Each structure stands twice: as structure tokens, then as C-alpha cells.
């Protein structure tokens, strides 16, 4: 992983390691799902256990746990390029796993909390975790995948896997 320090005129650009196996990402999915489910249930209980608001409770809980990851995927003849918005995350905070037909982006950042005195008039929080899985329309060569991070935009290059070509064979007489 390479990182350069940023100045006012030069943004940080870093290489992000890309893993080719799911590792503990499945455990992260399970843990995050459990956190969202717990928060959704707490919201359900806090609202007097009113039925019919399950989806609203779930989305509210999800927004509190996960930062949304907006992305764009482009296809060229030989590859896919995915650009994902990950503002505030560094290359160290991100984990990218590539499978032949699936891309998974996970991240967790630590933030320092400051204690402020006085009455809050308005306060907005942002979740410190991201998790996104994207199905790919064709197989990719996982060994050649690469990623870079610059100005809060994660760019992932996924070369398509080479497919066996059909070849015409002329039969020979024995």
C-alpha cells in the first residue's frame, strides 16, 4: 500500500489492497446485519410496538449504522471500472474483496468525539462503516484487479477474465 501526504495543492492518492477471497467479510456482513436488526427492534419498541412500520424502522436503523456507498460501474471491451464514493475513509480503513462475479467493499473508520458545551440546536451524524456488495455482469480476473483512492473516490479496475476461444479443428485421416 502506497500513500502520499497531502498538501493544499496535492490531494492524497493511495493504493488500496484488493483481496481475492471473502476472508472475514462474511462475518462483517453478519455483525452489521445484527447491529441493524437490533437498532430496528429498539426503534420498533420505542414507537410503542406499532405494526406496519417495519421497513421504516429498518431503513432508519441501517442509516444509523452504515454510510451509503454511491457508485458507478463502467464497462469497456476488456474490463469493468467501478468508482465508489467513500468520503472520509483512508486506504487503511477499506477492505475490498473480488470474486469472479462479485465485488465487496467494506470499511470502518475511527473518529474522535469532541465534547461540546452548550445546548445543541442541530446535530447531524454520519455512520462510520460502509458495506456494499455488487454482482458483476461477467467474470473478472481476480489476480489482476487493482484499486486506488483519491479525493474520497475509490476507483477499482477489474479486468475481464479471458474466455476460451472456440477453435475449428480439421479431422485428419489415419
C-alpha atoms as a PDB file:
ATOM      1  CA  UNK A   1       0.000   0.000   0.000  1.00  0.00           C
ATOM      2  CA  UNK A   2       1.436   3.358  -1.028  1.00  0.00           C
ATOM      3  CA  UNK A   3       0.319   6.663   0.405  1.00  0.00           C
ATOM      4  CA  UNK A   4       1.498  10.203  -0.136  1.00  0.00           C
ATOM      5  CA  UNK A   5       0.933  13.079   2.267  1.00  0.00           C
ATOM      6  CA  UNK A   6      -1.497  15.717   1.071  1.00  0.00           C
ATOM      7  CA  UNK A   7      -0.899  19.428   0.771  1.00  0.00           C
ATOM      8  CA  UNK A   8      -3.397  22.114  -0.127  1.00  0.00           C
ATOM      9  CA  UNK A   9      -2.478  21.714  -3.780  1.00  0.00           C
ATOM     10  CA  UNK A  10      -1.839  17.967  -3.894  1.00  0.00           C
ATOM     11  CA  UNK A  11      -4.565  15.507  -2.858  1.00  0.00           C
ATOM     12  CA  UNK A  12      -3.772  12.177  -1.254  1.00  0.00           C
ATOM     13  CA  UNK A  13      -3.666   9.226  -3.614  1.00  0.00           C
ATOM     14  CA  UNK A  14      -3.311   5.763  -2.197  1.00  0.00           C
ATOM     15  CA  UNK A  15      -3.325   2.227  -3.447  1.00  0.00           C
ATOM     16  CA  UNK A  16      -5.866   0.035  -1.748  1.00  0.00           C
ATOM     17  CA  UNK A  17      -5.091  -3.658  -1.367  1.00  0.00           C
ATOM     18  CA  UNK A  18      -7.564  -5.916  -3.131  1.00  0.00           C
ATOM     19  CA  UNK A  19      -8.185  -9.344  -1.661  1.00  0.00           C
ATOM     20  CA  UNK A  20      -9.295 -12.299  -3.716  1.00  0.00           C
ATOM     21  CA  UNK A  21     -11.112 -14.246  -1.016  1.00  0.00           C
ATOM     22  CA  UNK A  22     -14.006 -13.349   1.196  1.00  0.00           C
ATOM     23  CA  UNK A  23     -11.935 -13.770   4.413  1.00  0.00           C
ATOM     24  CA  UNK A  24     -13.797 -12.375   7.380  1.00  0.00           C
ATOM     25  CA  UNK A  25     -16.055 -10.173   5.229  1.00  0.00           C
ATOM     26  CA  UNK A  26     -18.946 -12.604   5.731  1.00  0.00           C
ATOM     27  CA  UNK A  27     -18.510 -12.191   9.484  1.00  0.00           C
ATOM     28  CA  UNK A  28     -18.646  -8.401   8.991  1.00  0.00           C
ATOM     29  CA  UNK A  29     -21.887  -8.758   6.999  1.00  0.00           C
ATOM     30  CA  UNK A  30     -23.385 -10.853   9.813  1.00  0.00           C
ATOM     31  CA  UNK A  31     -22.221  -8.442  12.509  1.00  0.00           C
ATOM     32  CA  UNK A  32     -23.582  -5.392  10.684  1.00  0.00           C
ATOM     33  CA  UNK A  33     -26.867  -7.168   9.949  1.00  0.00           C
ATOM     34  CA  UNK A  34     -27.212  -7.996  13.659  1.00  0.00           C
ATOM     35  CA  UNK A  35     -26.496  -4.350  14.600  1.00  0.00           C
ATOM     36  CA  UNK A  36     -29.125  -3.080  12.161  1.00  0.00           C
ATOM     37  CA  UNK A  37     -31.678  -5.644  13.357  1.00  0.00           C
ATOM     38  CA  UNK A  38     -31.060  -4.662  16.992  1.00  0.00           C
ATOM     39  CA  UNK A  39     -31.472  -0.945  16.240  1.00  0.00           C
ATOM     40  CA  UNK A  40     -34.608  -1.588  14.165  1.00  0.00           C
ATOM     41  CA  UNK A  41     -36.126  -3.573  17.024  1.00  0.00           C
ATOM     42  CA  UNK A  42     -35.236  -0.820  19.503  1.00  0.00           C
ATOM     43  CA  UNK A  43     -36.943   1.700  17.212  1.00  0.00           C
ATOM     44  CA  UNK A  44     -39.982  -0.601  16.983  1.00  0.00           C
ATOM     45  CA  UNK A  45     -40.163  -0.824  20.770  1.00  0.00           C
ATOM     46  CA  UNK A  46     -39.565   2.911  21.183  1.00  0.00           C
ATOM     47  CA  UNK A  47     -42.523   3.657  18.912  1.00  0.00           C
ATOM     48  CA  UNK A  48     -44.892   1.626  21.092  1.00  0.00           C
ATOM     49  CA  UNK A  49     -44.578  -1.560  19.003  1.00  0.00           C
ATOM     50  CA  UNK A  50     -46.799  -0.224  16.263  1.00  0.00           C
ATOM     51  CA  UNK A  51     -47.086  -2.694  13.413  1.00  0.00           C
ATOM     52  CA  UNK A  52     -46.708  -1.644   9.798  1.00  0.00           C
ATOM     53  CA  UNK A  53     -43.567   0.468  10.191  1.00  0.00           C
ATOM     54  CA  UNK A  54     -41.014  -2.351   9.963  1.00  0.00           C
ATOM     55  CA  UNK A  55     -39.409  -1.092   6.755  1.00  0.00           C
ATOM     56  CA  UNK A  56     -39.170   2.483   8.053  1.00  0.00           C
ATOM     57  CA  UNK A  57     -37.578   1.191  11.277  1.00  0.00           C
ATOM     58  CA  UNK A  58     -35.140  -0.942   9.266  1.00  0.00           C
ATOM     59  CA  UNK A  59     -34.069   1.887   6.934  1.00  0.00           C
ATOM     60  CA  UNK A  60     -33.648   4.303   9.848  1.00  0.00           C
ATOM     61  CA  UNK A  61     -31.509   1.731  11.682  1.00  0.00           C
ATOM     62  CA  UNK A  62     -29.476   0.996   8.541  1.00  0.00           C
ATOM     63  CA  UNK A  63     -28.783   4.697   8.002  1.00  0.00           C
ATOM     64  CA  UNK A  64     -27.515   4.925  11.567  1.00  0.00           C
ATOM     65  CA  UNK A  65     -25.116   2.006  11.138  1.00  0.00           C
ATOM     66  CA  UNK A  66     -23.925   2.258   7.527  1.00  0.00           C
ATOM     67  CA  UNK A  67     -22.684   5.178   5.459  1.00  0.00           C
ATOM     68  CA  UNK A  68     -24.262   4.937   1.968  1.00  0.00           C
ATOM     69  CA  UNK A  69     -21.842   3.980  -0.806  1.00  0.00           C
ATOM     70  CA  UNK A  70     -22.838   5.511  -4.110  1.00  0.00           C
ATOM     71  CA  UNK A  71     -21.082   4.003  -7.092  1.00  0.00           C
ATOM     72  CA  UNK A  72     -20.844   3.972 -10.839  1.00  0.00           C
ATOM     73  CA  UNK A  73     -19.758   0.970 -12.920  1.00  0.00           C
ATOM     74  CA  UNK A  74     -18.473   1.345 -16.479  1.00  0.00           C
ATOM     75  CA  UNK A  75     -17.635  -1.411 -18.928  1.00  0.00           C
ATOM     76  CA  UNK A  76     -15.074  -1.376 -21.719  1.00  0.00           C
ATOM     77  CA  UNK A  77     -14.047  -4.183 -24.053  1.00  0.00           C
ATOM     78  CA  UNK A  78     -11.568  -5.671 -21.601  1.00  0.00           C
ATOM     79  CA  UNK A  79     -12.584  -4.510 -18.134  1.00  0.00           C
ATOM     80  CA  UNK A  80     -15.023  -3.001 -15.667  1.00  0.00           C
ATOM     81  CA  UNK A  81     -14.236   0.170 -13.751  1.00  0.00           C
ATOM     82  CA  UNK A  82     -16.074   0.895 -10.522  1.00  0.00           C
ATOM     83  CA  UNK A  83     -15.939   4.306  -8.860  1.00  0.00           C
ATOM     84  CA  UNK A  84     -17.346   4.480  -5.337  1.00  0.00           C
ATOM     85  CA  UNK A  85     -17.778   7.497  -3.075  1.00  0.00           C
ATOM     86  CA  UNK A  86     -16.067   6.849   0.269  1.00  0.00           C
ATOM     87  CA  UNK A  87     -15.540  10.330   1.777  1.00  0.00           C
ATOM     88  CA  UNK A  88     -13.531  10.396   4.980  1.00  0.00           C
ATOM     89  CA  UNK A  89     -12.212   6.841   4.575  1.00  0.00           C
ATOM     90  CA  UNK A  90      -8.492   6.165   4.086  1.00  0.00           C
ATOM     91  CA  UNK A  91      -6.933   3.236   2.250  1.00  0.00           C
ATOM     92  CA  UNK A  92      -6.240   1.616   5.644  1.00  0.00           C
ATOM     93  CA  UNK A  93      -9.946   1.825   6.545  1.00  0.00           C
ATOM     94  CA  UNK A  94     -11.097  -0.089   3.443  1.00  0.00           C
ATOM     95  CA  UNK A  95     -11.271  -3.773   2.604  1.00  0.00           C
ATOM     96  CA  UNK A  96     -12.026  -4.777  -0.980  1.00  0.00           C
ATOM     97  CA  UNK A  97     -12.696  -8.377  -1.946  1.00  0.00           C
ATOM     98  CA  UNK A  98     -13.034  -9.521  -5.526  1.00  0.00           C
ATOM     99  CA  UNK A  99     -14.568 -12.790  -6.636  1.00  0.00           C
ATOM    100  CA  UNK A 100     -15.044 -13.775 -10.278  1.00  0.00           C
ATOM    101  CA  UNK A 101     -18.639 -12.426 -10.299  1.00  0.00           C
ATOM    102  CA  UNK A 102     -18.839 -10.229  -7.177  1.00  0.00           C
ATOM    103  CA  UNK A 103     -17.172  -7.124  -5.736  1.00  0.00           C
ATOM    104  CA  UNK A 104     -17.414  -6.391  -1.999  1.00  0.00           C
ATOM    105  CA  UNK A 105     -16.376  -3.117  -0.412  1.00  0.00           C
ATOM    106  CA  UNK A 106     -16.230  -2.793   3.366  1.00  0.00           C
ATOM    107  CA  UNK A 107     -14.787  -0.110   5.562  1.00  0.00           C
ATOM    108  CA  UNK A 108     -14.689   1.145   9.086  1.00  0.00           C
ATOM    109  CA  UNK A 109     -13.188   4.389  10.292  1.00  0.00           C
ATOM    110  CA  UNK A 110     -12.477   5.638  13.751  1.00  0.00           C
ATOM    111  CA  UNK A 111     -13.499   9.165  14.617  1.00  0.00           C
ATOM    112  CA  UNK A 112     -12.635  11.250  17.624  1.00  0.00           C
ATOM    113  CA  UNK A 113     -15.560  12.653  19.531  1.00  0.00           C
ATOM    114  CA  UNK A 114     -15.315  16.117  20.988  1.00  0.00           C
ATOM    115  CA  UNK A 115     -17.325  17.187  23.990  1.00  0.00           C
ATOM    116  CA  UNK A 116     -19.093  20.457  23.322  1.00  0.00           C
ATOM    117  CA  UNK A 117     -20.678  22.645  25.938  1.00  0.00           C
ATOM    118  CA  UNK A 118     -23.989  24.343  25.410  1.00  0.00           C
ATOM    119  CA  UNK A 119     -27.343  23.366  24.029  1.00  0.00           C
ATOM    120  CA  UNK A 120     -27.331  21.659  20.641  1.00  0.00           C
ATOM    121  CA  UNK A 121     -29.645  23.367  18.190  1.00  0.00           C
ATOM    122  CA  UNK A 122     -28.939  20.955  15.359  1.00  0.00           C
ATOM    123  CA  UNK A 123     -26.669  17.953  15.184  1.00  0.00           C
ATOM    124  CA  UNK A 124     -26.038  15.524  12.315  1.00  0.00           C
ATOM    125  CA  UNK A 125     -24.112  12.290  12.489  1.00  0.00           C
ATOM    126  CA  UNK A 126     -22.571  10.176   9.816  1.00  0.00           C
ATOM    127  CA  UNK A 127     -22.119   6.434  10.117  1.00  0.00           C
ATOM    128  CA  UNK A 128     -18.533   5.222  10.318  1.00  0.00           C
ATOM    129  CA  UNK A 129     -18.999   1.947   8.447  1.00  0.00           C
ATOM    130  CA  UNK A 130     -19.633   1.060   4.833  1.00  0.00           C
ATOM    131  CA  UNK A 131     -20.576  -2.223   3.259  1.00  0.00           C
ATOM    132  CA  UNK A 132     -21.533  -2.809  -0.347  1.00  0.00           C
ATOM    133  CA  UNK A 133     -21.694  -5.947  -2.483  1.00  0.00           C
ATOM    134  CA  UNK A 134     -22.057  -5.671  -6.254  1.00  0.00           C
ATOM    135  CA  UNK A 135     -22.796  -8.514  -8.648  1.00  0.00           C
ATOM    136  CA  UNK A 136     -20.654  -8.264 -11.772  1.00  0.00           C
ATOM    137  CA  UNK A 137     -22.150  -8.965 -15.223  1.00  0.00           C
ATOM    138  CA  UNK A 138     -19.178 -11.108 -16.329  1.00  0.00           C
ATOM    139  CA  UNK A 139     -16.271 -12.992 -14.792  1.00  0.00           C
ATOM    140  CA  UNK A 140     -13.247 -10.894 -13.863  1.00  0.00           C
ATOM    141  CA  UNK A 141      -9.603 -11.862 -13.459  1.00  0.00           C
ATOM    142  CA  UNK A 142      -9.244 -11.511  -9.689  1.00  0.00           C
ATOM    143  CA  UNK A 143      -5.434 -11.700  -9.823  1.00  0.00           C
ATOM    144  CA  UNK A 144      -5.257  -8.535 -11.950  1.00  0.00           C
ATOM    145  CA  UNK A 145      -7.761  -6.405 -10.014  1.00  0.00           C
ATOM    146  CA  UNK A 146      -6.456  -3.117  -8.628  1.00  0.00           C
ATOM    147  CA  UNK A 147      -7.809  -0.195  -6.637  1.00  0.00           C
ATOM    148  CA  UNK A 148      -6.791   3.367  -5.827  1.00  0.00           C
ATOM    149  CA  UNK A 149      -8.204   6.072  -3.583  1.00  0.00           C
ATOM    150  CA  UNK A 150      -8.074   9.780  -4.393  1.00  0.00           C
ATOM    151  CA  UNK A 151     -10.171  12.650  -3.012  1.00  0.00           C
ATOM    152  CA  UNK A 152     -12.730  10.294  -1.440  1.00  0.00           C
ATOM    153  CA  UNK A 153     -13.291   8.375  -4.680  1.00  0.00           C
ATOM    154  CA  UNK A 154     -12.331   4.705  -4.726  1.00  0.00           C
ATOM    155  CA  UNK A 155     -11.531   3.515  -8.249  1.00  0.00           C
ATOM    156  CA  UNK A 156     -11.445  -0.234  -8.818  1.00  0.00           C
ATOM    157  CA  UNK A 157     -10.223  -1.712 -12.107  1.00  0.00           C
ATOM    158  CA  UNK A 158     -11.483  -5.223 -12.809  1.00  0.00           C
ATOM    159  CA  UNK A 159     -10.060  -6.806 -15.984  1.00  0.00           C
ATOM    160  CA  UNK A 160     -12.434  -9.297 -17.552  1.00  0.00           C
ATOM    161  CA  UNK A 161     -11.372 -12.940 -17.398  1.00  0.00           C
ATOM    162  CA  UNK A 162     -10.132 -14.412 -20.652  1.00  0.00           C
ATOM    163  CA  UNK A 163     -12.569 -16.913 -22.056  1.00  0.00           C
ATOM    164  CA  UNK A 164     -11.571 -19.949 -24.009  1.00  0.00           C
ATOM    165  CA  UNK A 165     -11.895 -19.312 -27.731  1.00  0.00           C
ATOM    166  CA  UNK A 166     -13.587 -21.802 -29.977  1.00  0.00           C
ATOM    167  CA  UNK A 167     -11.223 -23.270 -32.487  1.00  0.00           C
ATOM    168  CA  UNK A 168     -12.120 -25.227 -35.589  1.00  0.00           C
ATOM    169  CA  UNK A 169     -10.212 -28.464 -35.884  1.00  0.00           C
ATOM    170  CA  UNK A 170      -9.773 -30.294 -39.159  1.00  0.00           C
ATOM    171  CA  UNK A 171     -10.005 -34.062 -38.785  1.00  0.00           C
ATOM    172  CA  UNK A 172      -7.018 -35.996 -40.137  1.00  0.00           C
ATOM    173  CA  UNK A 173      -7.273 -39.372 -41.736  1.00  0.00           C
ATOM    174  CA  UNK A 174      -5.308 -42.098 -40.117  1.00  0.00           C
END
